[in-house]
Amino acid sequence: MKSVLIFFGGFATAIILLAVGGYVAMQYYSSMAEEYQAEWVPNFDKQLYKSTAELAAAKSEYERWVALGDVGLWSVDSGSLEKAEQFANETLKISEKYKKDWNYGNAIHKGHLTLGRVALRRNNIEEAKKQLLLAGKTPGSPQLDSFGPNMVLANELLEKGEKETVLQYLELCEVFWDMHMGKLEIWKDKISKGEDPNFGTNLLY
């Protein structure tokens, strides 16, 4: 009996040590990623060039739909607000046909983000906030579940002092982002303290 208790005691201790070790490792790699991304600068022009080429190569409505989300999102940075708005509305309209498709969540996410970025440049902050939260209500996708949400509109709203809306957005994103590895907690903590979070590559996803 004594040997059995010793065995299970040792087994339980091993499990606890593994759990603690896993948590520490997760925090370490999350910290390393944060430091790396602090030195990284997004290239929106490159994203627009790449997505425009993909749209031009589309040979069907479906292929066009897959490419539209990115084209709309980055057309905002070229100053083409009307075109970006048109792309976003087309993305959302076609999405109704593909609700079971792997790209549906991406399309909903980026379509609303694009409309929000357009609204923000037209000084309609309330509409931009509304669109950010609609983007956060995406059902997710293989990409969103793994790499997380696009944070470009959230970042722009933070610059306008809209931290409460951004915190709500992060809460919504927690529903689908299974592999955030502590990023959401780090971002929420910094925003709550009035600090600038480093969204890194999530400004492009």
N, C-alpha and C. Protein backbone atom coordinates (compact mmCIF):
# COMPACT_ATOMS: atom_id res chain seq x y z
N MET A 1 0.83 -1.21 0.00
CA MET A 1 0.00 0.00 0.00
C MET A 1 0.87 1.26 0.00
N LYS A 2 1.91 1.20 0.83
CA LYS A 2 2.82 2.36 0.92
C LYS A 2 3.47 2.64 -0.41
N SER A 3 3.88 1.56 -1.11
CA SER A 3 4.55 1.73 -2.40
C SER A 3 3.58 2.32 -3.44
N VAL A 4 2.32 1.93 -3.35
CA VAL A 4 1.31 2.46 -4.28
C VAL A 4 1.12 3.95 -4.06
N LEU A 5 1.05 4.35 -2.79
CA LEU A 5 0.90 5.78 -2.48
C LEU A 5 2.10 6.58 -2.95
N ILE A 6 3.28 5.99 -2.76
CA ILE A 6 4.50 6.68 -3.22
C ILE A 6 4.48 6.85 -4.73
N PHE A 7 4.03 5.77 -5.44
CA PHE A 7 3.96 5.82 -6.90
C PHE A 7 3.03 6.93 -7.37
N PHE A 8 1.81 6.94 -6.80
CA PHE A 8 0.84 7.94 -7.23
C PHE A 8 1.25 9.35 -6.81
N GLY A 9 1.91 9.45 -5.67
CA GLY A 9 2.41 10.76 -5.24
C GLY A 9 3.45 11.28 -6.21
N GLY A 10 4.35 10.39 -6.63
CA GLY A 10 5.37 10.78 -7.59
C GLY A 10 4.77 11.11 -8.94
N PHE A 11 3.75 10.36 -9.35
CA PHE A 11 3.08 10.58 -10.63
C PHE A 11 2.39 11.95 -10.64
N ALA A 12 1.70 12.27 -9.54
CA ALA A 12 1.01 13.56 -9.44
C ALA A 12 2.00 14.71 -9.47
N THR A 13 3.13 14.52 -8.79
CA THR A 13 4.17 15.56 -8.78
C THR A 13 4.72 15.79 -10.17
N ALA A 14 4.91 14.70 -10.90
CA ALA A 14 5.43 14.81 -12.27
C ALA A 14 4.47 15.58 -13.17
N ILE A 15 3.18 15.31 -13.01
CA ILE A 15 2.16 16.00 -13.81
C ILE A 15 2.18 17.50 -13.50
N ILE A 16 2.28 17.84 -12.22
CA ILE A 16 2.31 19.26 -11.81
C ILE A 16 3.54 19.94 -12.40
N LEU A 17 4.70 19.26 -12.32
CA LEU A 17 5.93 19.84 -12.85
C LEU A 17 5.85 20.05 -14.37
N LEU A 18 5.22 19.09 -15.05
CA LEU A 18 5.06 19.21 -16.50
C LEU A 18 4.15 20.38 -16.85
N ALA A 19 3.07 20.54 -16.07
CA ALA A 19 2.13 21.63 -16.31
C ALA A 19 2.80 22.98 -16.08
N VAL A 20 3.54 23.09 -14.98
CA VAL A 20 4.24 24.34 -14.68
C VAL A 20 5.29 24.62 -15.75
N GLY A 21 6.01 23.55 -16.12
CA GLY A 21 7.04 23.71 -17.15
C GLY A 21 6.46 24.15 -18.47
N GLY A 22 5.30 23.57 -18.83
CA GLY A 22 4.65 23.95 -20.07
C GLY A 22 4.20 25.40 -20.05
N TYR A 23 3.68 25.84 -18.90
CA TYR A 23 3.23 27.23 -18.78
C TYR A 23 4.41 28.18 -18.90
N VAL A 24 5.50 27.86 -18.22
CA VAL A 24 6.70 28.71 -18.27
C VAL A 24 7.24 28.77 -19.69
N ALA A 25 7.26 27.61 -20.37
CA ALA A 25 7.75 27.59 -21.75
C ALA A 25 6.87 28.44 -22.65
N MET A 26 5.54 28.35 -22.45
CA MET A 26 4.61 29.13 -23.25
C MET A 26 4.85 30.62 -23.05
N GLN A 27 5.05 31.03 -21.79
CA GLN A 27 5.31 32.43 -21.49
C GLN A 27 6.64 32.89 -22.09
N TYR A 28 7.62 31.99 -22.07
CA TYR A 28 8.95 32.32 -22.61
C TYR A 28 8.87 32.57 -24.11
N TYR A 29 8.25 31.61 -24.83
CA TYR A 29 8.17 31.74 -26.28
C TYR A 29 7.27 32.91 -26.69
N SER A 30 6.24 33.17 -25.90
CA SER A 30 5.38 34.32 -26.17
C SER A 30 6.17 35.61 -26.01
N SER A 31 7.02 35.66 -24.97
CA SER A 31 7.87 36.83 -24.74
C SER A 31 8.87 37.01 -25.86
N MET A 32 9.47 35.89 -26.32
CA MET A 32 10.43 35.95 -27.42
C MET A 32 9.77 36.47 -28.69
N ALA A 33 8.55 36.00 -28.95
CA ALA A 33 7.82 36.43 -30.14
C ALA A 33 7.51 37.92 -30.04
N GLU A 34 7.17 38.36 -28.84
CA GLU A 34 6.86 39.78 -28.63
C GLU A 34 8.09 40.65 -28.93
N GLU A 35 9.26 40.21 -28.48
CA GLU A 35 10.48 40.97 -28.72
C GLU A 35 10.82 41.02 -30.21
N TYR A 36 10.61 39.87 -30.89
CA TYR A 36 10.89 39.83 -32.33
C TYR A 36 9.96 40.77 -33.08
N GLN A 37 8.68 40.72 -32.75
CA GLN A 37 7.70 41.53 -33.47
C GLN A 37 7.86 43.02 -33.19
N ALA A 38 8.49 43.36 -32.07
CA ALA A 38 8.71 44.77 -31.75
C ALA A 38 9.61 45.43 -32.78
N GLU A 39 10.46 44.64 -33.45
CA GLU A 39 11.38 45.18 -34.43
C GLU A 39 10.84 45.06 -35.85
N TRP A 40 9.65 44.48 -35.98
CA TRP A 40 9.08 44.20 -37.29
C TRP A 40 8.13 45.33 -37.71
N VAL A 41 8.25 45.75 -38.99
CA VAL A 41 7.41 46.83 -39.50
C VAL A 41 6.56 46.29 -40.65
N PRO A 42 5.23 46.42 -40.59
CA PRO A 42 4.37 45.90 -41.65
C PRO A 42 4.51 46.68 -42.95
N ASN A 43 4.41 45.98 -44.06
CA ASN A 43 4.50 46.61 -45.38
C ASN A 43 3.15 46.47 -46.06
N PHE A 44 2.30 47.50 -45.90
CA PHE A 44 0.96 47.45 -46.45
C PHE A 44 0.96 47.51 -47.97
N ASP A 45 1.91 48.24 -48.55
CA ASP A 45 1.99 48.34 -50.01
C ASP A 45 2.25 46.97 -50.63
N LYS A 46 3.11 46.19 -49.99
CA LYS A 46 3.42 44.85 -50.47
C LYS A 46 2.18 43.96 -50.41
N GLN A 47 1.40 44.11 -49.34
CA GLN A 47 0.18 43.32 -49.19
C GLN A 47 -0.82 43.66 -50.29
N LEU A 48 -0.93 44.95 -50.61
CA LEU A 48 -1.87 45.37 -51.65
C LEU A 48 -1.43 44.83 -53.01
N TYR A 49 -0.14 44.90 -53.29
CA TYR A 49 0.39 44.40 -54.56
C TYR A 49 0.12 42.91 -54.71
N LYS A 50 0.39 42.17 -53.65
CA LYS A 50 0.21 40.72 -53.67
C LYS A 50 -1.26 40.35 -53.84
N SER A 51 -2.13 40.99 -53.08
CA SER A 51 -3.56 40.64 -53.14
C SER A 51 -4.19 41.07 -54.46
N THR A 52 -3.72 42.18 -55.03
CA THR A 52 -4.24 42.64 -56.33
C THR A 52 -3.87 41.65 -57.42
N ALA A 53 -2.66 41.10 -57.34
CA ALA A 53 -2.22 40.09 -58.32
C ALA A 53 -3.07 38.83 -58.21
N GLU A 54 -3.41 38.44 -56.98
CA GLU A 54 -4.24 37.26 -56.78
C GLU A 54 -5.65 37.47 -57.32
N LEU A 55 -6.17 38.69 -57.15
CA LEU A 55 -7.50 39.00 -57.67
C LEU A 55 -7.49 38.98 -59.19
N ALA A 56 -6.44 39.52 -59.80
CA ALA A 56 -6.35 39.55 -61.26
C ALA A 56 -6.26 38.14 -61.85
N ALA A 57 -5.69 37.23 -61.07
CA ALA A 57 -5.52 35.85 -61.55
C ALA A 57 -6.77 34.99 -61.35
N ALA A 58 -7.75 35.50 -60.63
CA ALA A 58 -8.97 34.73 -60.35
C ALA A 58 -9.74 34.39 -61.62
N LYS A 59 -10.15 33.15 -61.75
CA LYS A 59 -10.84 32.70 -62.96
C LYS A 59 -12.30 32.33 -62.70
N SER A 60 -12.75 32.51 -61.48
CA SER A 60 -14.14 32.18 -61.16
C SER A 60 -14.61 33.11 -60.05
N GLU A 61 -15.92 33.11 -59.83
CA GLU A 61 -16.47 33.94 -58.76
C GLU A 61 -15.88 33.52 -57.42
N TYR A 62 -15.73 32.19 -57.24
CA TYR A 62 -15.20 31.69 -55.98
C TYR A 62 -13.77 32.18 -55.75
N GLU A 63 -12.91 32.08 -56.75
CA GLU A 63 -11.52 32.52 -56.61
C GLU A 63 -11.47 34.03 -56.38
N ARG A 64 -12.36 34.75 -57.03
CA ARG A 64 -12.43 36.20 -56.82
C ARG A 64 -12.82 36.51 -55.37
N TRP A 65 -13.78 35.77 -54.88
CA TRP A 65 -14.24 35.97 -53.49
C TRP A 65 -13.12 35.73 -52.49
N VAL A 66 -12.33 34.68 -52.70
CA VAL A 66 -11.23 34.37 -51.80
C VAL A 66 -10.21 35.51 -51.78
N ALA A 67 -10.00 36.14 -52.95
CA ALA A 67 -8.99 37.21 -53.05
C ALA A 67 -9.52 38.56 -52.60
N LEU A 68 -10.82 38.77 -52.66
CA LEU A 68 -11.42 40.09 -52.41
C LEU A 68 -11.13 40.65 -51.02
N GLY A 69 -11.15 39.78 -50.01
CA GLY A 69 -10.99 40.26 -48.63
C GLY A 69 -9.72 41.05 -48.42
N ASP A 70 -8.61 40.51 -48.90
CA ASP A 70 -7.33 41.20 -48.74
C ASP A 70 -7.25 42.44 -49.60
N VAL A 71 -7.74 42.36 -50.83
CA VAL A 71 -7.68 43.52 -51.73
C VAL A 71 -8.43 44.70 -51.12
N GLY A 72 -9.61 44.44 -50.59
CA GLY A 72 -10.39 45.52 -49.98
C GLY A 72 -9.67 46.12 -48.78
N LEU A 73 -9.16 45.25 -47.92
CA LEU A 73 -8.52 45.72 -46.69
C LEU A 73 -7.34 46.63 -46.97
N TRP A 74 -6.53 46.26 -47.98
CA TRP A 74 -5.31 47.05 -48.24
C TRP A 74 -5.53 48.16 -49.25
N SER A 75 -6.67 48.16 -49.94
CA SER A 75 -6.98 49.28 -50.84
C SER A 75 -7.21 50.56 -50.05
N VAL A 76 -7.61 50.40 -48.80
CA VAL A 76 -7.81 51.57 -47.93
C VAL A 76 -6.53 52.38 -47.82
N ASP A 77 -5.39 51.69 -47.73
CA ASP A 77 -4.11 52.37 -47.54
C ASP A 77 -3.63 53.09 -48.80
N SER A 78 -4.20 52.73 -49.94
CA SER A 78 -3.83 53.41 -51.18
C SER A 78 -4.69 54.66 -51.39
N GLY A 79 -5.66 54.86 -50.49
CA GLY A 79 -6.52 56.04 -50.59
C GLY A 79 -7.78 55.80 -51.42
N SER A 80 -7.96 54.57 -51.91
CA SER A 80 -9.12 54.25 -52.74
C SER A 80 -10.29 53.81 -51.87
N LEU A 81 -10.89 54.74 -51.15
CA LEU A 81 -11.94 54.38 -50.21
C LEU A 81 -13.18 53.82 -50.89
N GLU A 82 -13.58 54.42 -52.00
CA GLU A 82 -14.77 53.93 -52.70
C GLU A 82 -14.54 52.51 -53.21
N LYS A 83 -13.35 52.28 -53.76
CA LYS A 83 -13.04 50.96 -54.29
C LYS A 83 -12.96 49.94 -53.15
N ALA A 84 -12.34 50.33 -52.04
CA ALA A 84 -12.24 49.43 -50.89
C ALA A 84 -13.62 49.07 -50.36
N GLU A 85 -14.50 50.06 -50.28
CA GLU A 85 -15.87 49.84 -49.82
C GLU A 85 -16.62 48.90 -50.76
N GLN A 86 -16.41 49.08 -52.05
CA GLN A 86 -17.04 48.22 -53.05
C GLN A 86 -16.56 46.78 -52.90
N PHE A 87 -15.26 46.60 -52.73
CA PHE A 87 -14.71 45.26 -52.55
C PHE A 87 -15.27 44.59 -51.29
N ALA A 88 -15.36 45.36 -50.22
CA ALA A 88 -15.86 44.81 -48.95
C ALA A 88 -17.31 44.37 -49.06
N ASN A 89 -18.13 45.21 -49.68
CA ASN A 89 -19.55 44.87 -49.84
C ASN A 89 -19.73 43.65 -50.74
N GLU A 90 -18.90 43.56 -51.77
CA GLU A 90 -18.97 42.40 -52.67
C GLU A 90 -18.55 41.14 -51.92
N THR A 91 -17.51 41.27 -51.10
CA THR A 91 -17.05 40.14 -50.29
C THR A 91 -18.17 39.61 -49.41
N LEU A 92 -18.83 40.49 -48.70
CA LEU A 92 -19.88 40.09 -47.77
C LEU A 92 -21.10 39.53 -48.51
N LYS A 93 -21.41 40.10 -49.66
CA LYS A 93 -22.56 39.63 -50.44
C LYS A 93 -22.32 38.20 -50.95
N ILE A 94 -21.15 37.96 -51.54
CA ILE A 94 -20.84 36.63 -52.07
C ILE A 94 -20.73 35.61 -50.94
N SER A 95 -20.34 36.07 -49.77
CA SER A 95 -20.18 35.16 -48.62
C SER A 95 -21.44 34.38 -48.30
N GLU A 96 -22.59 34.97 -48.62
CA GLU A 96 -23.86 34.30 -48.35
C GLU A 96 -23.97 32.96 -49.08
N LYS A 97 -23.23 32.83 -50.17
CA LYS A 97 -23.26 31.58 -50.96
C LYS A 97 -22.33 30.51 -50.39
N TYR A 98 -21.41 30.93 -49.53
CA TYR A 98 -20.36 30.00 -49.11
C TYR A 98 -20.24 29.90 -47.59
N LYS A 99 -21.35 29.80 -46.91
CA LYS A 99 -21.34 29.77 -45.46
C LYS A 99 -20.65 28.52 -44.87
N LYS A 100 -20.55 27.47 -45.66
CA LYS A 100 -19.91 26.24 -45.18
C LYS A 100 -18.45 26.15 -45.62
N ASP A 101 -17.98 27.16 -46.32
CA ASP A 101 -16.63 27.12 -46.87
C ASP A 101 -15.59 27.52 -45.83
N TRP A 102 -14.37 27.00 -45.98
CA TRP A 102 -13.27 27.31 -45.04
C TRP A 102 -12.96 28.80 -45.00
N ASN A 103 -13.23 29.52 -46.11
CA ASN A 103 -12.87 30.94 -46.19
C ASN A 103 -13.98 31.86 -45.68
N TYR A 104 -15.12 31.32 -45.32
CA TYR A 104 -16.25 32.16 -44.91
C TYR A 104 -15.87 33.08 -43.75
N GLY A 105 -15.25 32.52 -42.72
CA GLY A 105 -14.87 33.33 -41.56
C GLY A 105 -13.88 34.42 -41.91
N ASN A 106 -12.94 34.12 -42.80
CA ASN A 106 -11.97 35.13 -43.24
C ASN A 106 -12.67 36.28 -43.95
N ALA A 107 -13.60 35.92 -44.84
CA ALA A 107 -14.31 36.92 -45.64
C ALA A 107 -15.15 37.85 -44.76
N ILE A 108 -15.87 37.27 -43.80
CA ILE A 108 -16.67 38.08 -42.88
C ILE A 108 -15.77 39.00 -42.07
N HIS A 109 -14.67 38.45 -41.59
CA HIS A 109 -13.72 39.20 -40.77
C HIS A 109 -13.16 40.41 -41.54
N LYS A 110 -12.62 40.14 -42.72
CA LYS A 110 -11.95 41.21 -43.47
C LYS A 110 -12.94 42.16 -44.15
N GLY A 111 -14.11 41.64 -44.50
CA GLY A 111 -15.11 42.53 -45.08
C GLY A 111 -15.51 43.62 -44.11
N HIS A 112 -15.79 43.24 -42.88
CA HIS A 112 -16.19 44.23 -41.87
C HIS A 112 -15.01 45.11 -41.43
N LEU A 113 -13.81 44.54 -41.38
CA LEU A 113 -12.65 45.36 -41.05
C LEU A 113 -12.43 46.45 -42.09
N THR A 114 -12.63 46.09 -43.35
CA THR A 114 -12.46 47.06 -44.43
C THR A 114 -13.48 48.19 -44.31
N LEU A 115 -14.74 47.82 -44.07
CA LEU A 115 -15.77 48.86 -43.93
C LEU A 115 -15.48 49.75 -42.73
N GLY A 116 -14.92 49.17 -41.68
CA GLY A 116 -14.56 49.95 -40.50
C GLY A 116 -13.43 50.92 -40.78
N ARG A 117 -12.43 50.46 -41.53
CA ARG A 117 -11.30 51.34 -41.86
C ARG A 117 -11.75 52.48 -42.78
N VAL A 118 -12.66 52.17 -43.69
CA VAL A 118 -13.21 53.22 -44.57
C VAL A 118 -13.97 54.24 -43.73
N ALA A 119 -14.81 53.76 -42.81
CA ALA A 119 -15.59 54.65 -41.95
C ALA A 119 -14.68 55.55 -41.11
N LEU A 120 -13.61 54.98 -40.61
CA LEU A 120 -12.68 55.76 -39.78
C LEU A 120 -12.04 56.89 -40.57
N ARG A 121 -11.73 56.64 -41.82
CA ARG A 121 -11.12 57.69 -42.64
C ARG A 121 -12.13 58.75 -43.06
N ARG A 122 -13.40 58.42 -42.89
CA ARG A 122 -14.45 59.40 -43.14
C ARG A 122 -14.91 60.04 -41.84
N ASN A 123 -14.11 59.81 -40.79
CA ASN A 123 -14.35 60.38 -39.46
C ASN A 123 -15.65 59.90 -38.81
N ASN A 124 -16.10 58.71 -39.20
CA ASN A 124 -17.29 58.11 -38.59
C ASN A 124 -16.81 57.04 -37.60
N ILE A 125 -16.43 57.48 -36.43
CA ILE A 125 -15.84 56.57 -35.45
C ILE A 125 -16.84 55.54 -34.95
N GLU A 126 -18.08 55.93 -34.76
CA GLU A 126 -19.10 54.99 -34.27
C GLU A 126 -19.30 53.84 -35.25
N GLU A 127 -19.32 54.15 -36.53
CA GLU A 127 -19.47 53.09 -37.53
C GLU A 127 -18.23 52.19 -37.56
N ALA A 128 -17.07 52.80 -37.39
CA ALA A 128 -15.83 52.02 -37.37
C ALA A 128 -15.83 51.05 -36.19
N LYS A 129 -16.30 51.51 -35.04
CA LYS A 129 -16.38 50.65 -33.85
C LYS A 129 -17.38 49.51 -34.07
N LYS A 130 -18.51 49.82 -34.68
CA LYS A 130 -19.53 48.81 -34.97
C LYS A 130 -18.96 47.72 -35.89
N GLN A 131 -18.23 48.14 -36.92
CA GLN A 131 -17.67 47.20 -37.87
C GLN A 131 -16.57 46.34 -37.24
N LEU A 132 -15.82 46.91 -36.31
CA LEU A 132 -14.78 46.13 -35.62
C LEU A 132 -15.42 44.98 -34.85
N LEU A 133 -16.50 45.27 -34.15
CA LEU A 133 -17.17 44.23 -33.36
C LEU A 133 -17.83 43.18 -34.25
N LEU A 134 -18.33 43.60 -35.41
CA LEU A 134 -18.90 42.64 -36.35
C LEU A 134 -17.80 41.73 -36.90
N ALA A 135 -16.61 42.30 -37.11
CA ALA A 135 -15.47 41.49 -37.57
C ALA A 135 -15.09 40.47 -36.51
N GLY A 136 -15.21 40.86 -35.24
CA GLY A 136 -14.88 39.95 -34.15
C GLY A 136 -15.87 38.82 -33.98
N LYS A 137 -17.05 38.96 -34.58
CA LYS A 137 -18.08 37.92 -34.48
C LYS A 137 -17.98 36.87 -35.57
N THR A 138 -16.89 36.89 -36.32
CA THR A 138 -16.65 35.85 -37.32
C THR A 138 -16.67 34.48 -36.65
N PRO A 139 -17.14 33.46 -37.36
CA PRO A 139 -17.12 32.12 -36.76
C PRO A 139 -15.73 31.50 -36.73
N GLY A 140 -14.75 32.23 -37.29
CA GLY A 140 -13.39 31.70 -37.32
C GLY A 140 -13.11 30.97 -38.62
N SER A 141 -11.89 30.49 -38.76
CA SER A 141 -11.45 29.77 -39.96
C SER A 141 -10.16 29.07 -39.59
N PRO A 142 -9.64 28.20 -40.45
CA PRO A 142 -8.35 27.57 -40.14
C PRO A 142 -7.25 28.60 -39.86
N GLN A 143 -7.26 29.69 -40.61
CA GLN A 143 -6.24 30.73 -40.43
C GLN A 143 -6.48 31.53 -39.14
N LEU A 144 -7.71 31.97 -38.94
CA LEU A 144 -8.03 32.77 -37.76
C LEU A 144 -7.86 31.98 -36.47
N ASP A 145 -8.24 30.72 -36.50
CA ASP A 145 -8.13 29.87 -35.31
C ASP A 145 -6.67 29.66 -34.91
N SER A 146 -5.79 29.65 -35.91
CA SER A 146 -4.37 29.40 -35.64
C SER A 146 -3.58 30.68 -35.39
N PHE A 147 -3.69 31.64 -36.33
CA PHE A 147 -2.85 32.83 -36.28
C PHE A 147 -3.51 34.04 -35.63
N GLY A 148 -4.82 33.98 -35.49
CA GLY A 148 -5.52 35.05 -34.81
C GLY A 148 -6.09 36.11 -35.72
N PRO A 149 -6.73 37.12 -35.14
CA PRO A 149 -7.43 38.16 -35.90
C PRO A 149 -6.48 39.19 -36.48
N ASN A 150 -6.98 39.89 -37.48
CA ASN A 150 -6.25 41.06 -37.98
C ASN A 150 -6.52 42.22 -37.02
N MET A 151 -5.45 42.92 -36.64
CA MET A 151 -5.56 43.97 -35.63
C MET A 151 -5.39 45.38 -36.17
N VAL A 152 -5.40 45.54 -37.49
CA VAL A 152 -5.10 46.85 -38.06
C VAL A 152 -6.16 47.90 -37.69
N LEU A 153 -7.45 47.54 -37.78
CA LEU A 153 -8.50 48.50 -37.41
C LEU A 153 -8.51 48.73 -35.90
N ALA A 154 -8.30 47.68 -35.14
CA ALA A 154 -8.23 47.82 -33.68
C ALA A 154 -7.10 48.78 -33.30
N ASN A 155 -5.98 48.66 -33.97
CA ASN A 155 -4.84 49.54 -33.69
C ASN A 155 -5.17 50.99 -34.02
N GLU A 156 -5.86 51.18 -35.13
CA GLU A 156 -6.24 52.54 -35.55
C GLU A 156 -7.24 53.15 -34.57
N LEU A 157 -8.15 52.32 -34.04
CA LEU A 157 -9.12 52.82 -33.07
C LEU A 157 -8.46 53.11 -31.72
N LEU A 158 -7.46 52.34 -31.37
CA LEU A 158 -6.71 52.63 -30.14
C LEU A 158 -6.05 53.99 -30.22
N GLU A 159 -5.56 54.32 -31.40
CA GLU A 159 -4.93 55.63 -31.60
C GLU A 159 -5.94 56.77 -31.44
N LYS A 160 -7.23 56.44 -31.54
CA LYS A 160 -8.30 57.42 -31.33
C LYS A 160 -8.82 57.37 -29.89
N GLY A 161 -8.21 56.52 -29.07
CA GLY A 161 -8.61 56.43 -27.67
C GLY A 161 -9.76 55.49 -27.39
N GLU A 162 -10.12 54.64 -28.35
CA GLU A 162 -11.28 53.75 -28.21
C GLU A 162 -10.89 52.40 -27.62
N LYS A 163 -10.30 52.40 -26.44
CA LYS A 163 -9.78 51.16 -25.88
C LYS A 163 -10.87 50.18 -25.44
N GLU A 164 -12.01 50.68 -24.98
CA GLU A 164 -13.07 49.79 -24.52
C GLU A 164 -13.61 48.92 -25.66
N THR A 165 -13.76 49.53 -26.83
CA THR A 165 -14.24 48.77 -27.99
C THR A 165 -13.21 47.72 -28.40
N VAL A 166 -11.94 48.09 -28.35
CA VAL A 166 -10.88 47.14 -28.71
C VAL A 166 -10.83 45.98 -27.72
N LEU A 167 -11.04 46.26 -26.46
CA LEU A 167 -11.09 45.19 -25.46
C LEU A 167 -12.27 44.25 -25.71
N GLN A 168 -13.40 44.81 -26.11
CA GLN A 168 -14.55 43.98 -26.47
C GLN A 168 -14.22 43.09 -27.67
N TYR A 169 -13.52 43.67 -28.62
CA TYR A 169 -13.10 42.93 -29.82
C TYR A 169 -12.22 41.74 -29.44
N LEU A 170 -11.29 41.97 -28.55
CA LEU A 170 -10.39 40.89 -28.11
C LEU A 170 -11.16 39.79 -27.39
N GLU A 171 -12.18 40.16 -26.63
CA GLU A 171 -13.01 39.16 -25.97
C GLU A 171 -13.74 38.29 -27.01
N LEU A 172 -14.20 38.91 -28.08
CA LEU A 172 -14.88 38.17 -29.14
C LEU A 172 -13.89 37.23 -29.85
N CYS A 173 -12.68 37.71 -30.05
CA CYS A 173 -11.67 36.92 -30.75
C CYS A 173 -11.23 35.70 -29.94
N GLU A 174 -11.39 35.79 -28.63
CA GLU A 174 -11.00 34.68 -27.77
C GLU A 174 -11.85 33.44 -28.04
N VAL A 175 -13.04 33.65 -28.60
CA VAL A 175 -13.95 32.54 -28.88
C VAL A 175 -13.37 31.61 -29.95
N PHE A 176 -12.72 32.19 -30.97
CA PHE A 176 -12.21 31.34 -32.07
C PHE A 176 -10.69 31.16 -32.07
N TRP A 177 -9.94 32.05 -31.41
CA TRP A 177 -8.49 31.95 -31.49
C TRP A 177 -7.98 30.95 -30.45
N ASP A 178 -7.85 29.72 -30.87
CA ASP A 178 -7.45 28.65 -29.96
C ASP A 178 -5.97 28.68 -29.60
N MET A 179 -5.14 29.22 -30.49
CA MET A 179 -3.70 29.12 -30.31
C MET A 179 -3.04 30.48 -30.06
N HIS A 180 -3.68 31.30 -29.23
CA HIS A 180 -3.12 32.64 -29.00
C HIS A 180 -1.90 32.65 -28.08
N MET A 181 -1.68 31.56 -27.35
CA MET A 181 -0.49 31.39 -26.51
C MET A 181 -0.21 32.60 -25.61
N GLY A 182 -1.27 33.12 -25.02
CA GLY A 182 -1.11 34.21 -24.07
C GLY A 182 -1.10 35.59 -24.66
N LYS A 183 -1.13 35.70 -25.99
CA LYS A 183 -1.09 37.03 -26.62
C LYS A 183 -2.27 37.90 -26.21
N LEU A 184 -3.46 37.29 -26.20
CA LEU A 184 -4.66 38.06 -25.87
C LEU A 184 -4.56 38.68 -24.48
N GLU A 185 -4.07 37.90 -23.52
CA GLU A 185 -3.92 38.41 -22.15
C GLU A 185 -2.91 39.55 -22.10
N ILE A 186 -1.82 39.39 -22.82
CA ILE A 186 -0.79 40.45 -22.86
C ILE A 186 -1.36 41.72 -23.44
N TRP A 187 -2.07 41.59 -24.58
CA TRP A 187 -2.65 42.77 -25.23
C TRP A 187 -3.69 43.45 -24.34
N LYS A 188 -4.58 42.64 -23.76
CA LYS A 188 -5.63 43.21 -22.91
C LYS A 188 -5.03 43.92 -21.69
N ASP A 189 -4.01 43.33 -21.12
CA ASP A 189 -3.37 43.92 -19.96
C ASP A 189 -2.75 45.28 -20.31
N LYS A 190 -2.04 45.33 -21.43
CA LYS A 190 -1.39 46.59 -21.82
C LYS A 190 -2.42 47.66 -22.16
N ILE A 191 -3.47 47.27 -22.88
CA ILE A 191 -4.51 48.24 -23.23
C ILE A 191 -5.19 48.77 -21.98
N SER A 192 -5.48 47.89 -21.04
CA SER A 192 -6.14 48.31 -19.79
C SER A 192 -5.28 49.29 -19.00
N LYS A 193 -3.96 49.13 -19.11
CA LYS A 193 -3.03 50.02 -18.40
C LYS A 193 -2.71 51.29 -19.17
N GLY A 194 -3.30 51.41 -20.38
CA GLY A 194 -3.05 52.60 -21.19
C GLY A 194 -1.75 52.53 -21.97
N GLU A 195 -1.17 51.33 -22.06
CA GLU A 195 0.08 51.15 -22.80
C GLU A 195 -0.22 50.73 -24.24
N ASP A 196 0.79 50.86 -25.09
CA ASP A 196 0.62 50.48 -26.50
C ASP A 196 1.00 49.02 -26.69
N PRO A 197 0.06 48.17 -27.08
CA PRO A 197 0.40 46.76 -27.32
C PRO A 197 1.14 46.61 -28.64
N ASN A 198 1.93 45.58 -28.74
CA ASN A 198 2.63 45.30 -29.99
C ASN A 198 1.89 44.17 -30.71
N PHE A 199 1.13 44.52 -31.75
CA PHE A 199 0.33 43.55 -32.46
C PHE A 199 1.15 42.77 -33.50
N GLY A 200 2.33 43.26 -33.82
CA GLY A 200 3.23 42.55 -34.71
C GLY A 200 2.59 42.11 -36.02
N THR A 201 2.79 40.85 -36.37
CA THR A 201 2.29 40.34 -37.65
C THR A 201 0.76 40.24 -37.70
N ASN A 202 0.09 40.40 -36.58
CA ASN A 202 -1.38 40.40 -36.62
C ASN A 202 -1.94 41.66 -37.26
N LEU A 203 -1.07 42.60 -37.59
CA LEU A 203 -1.51 43.76 -38.36
C LEU A 203 -1.69 43.38 -39.83
N LEU A 204 -1.19 42.20 -40.21
CA LEU A 204 -1.28 41.77 -41.61
C LEU A 204 -2.15 40.55 -41.82
N TYR A 205 -2.32 39.67 -40.83
CA TYR A 205 -3.06 38.42 -41.04
C TYR A 205 -4.46 38.69 -41.57
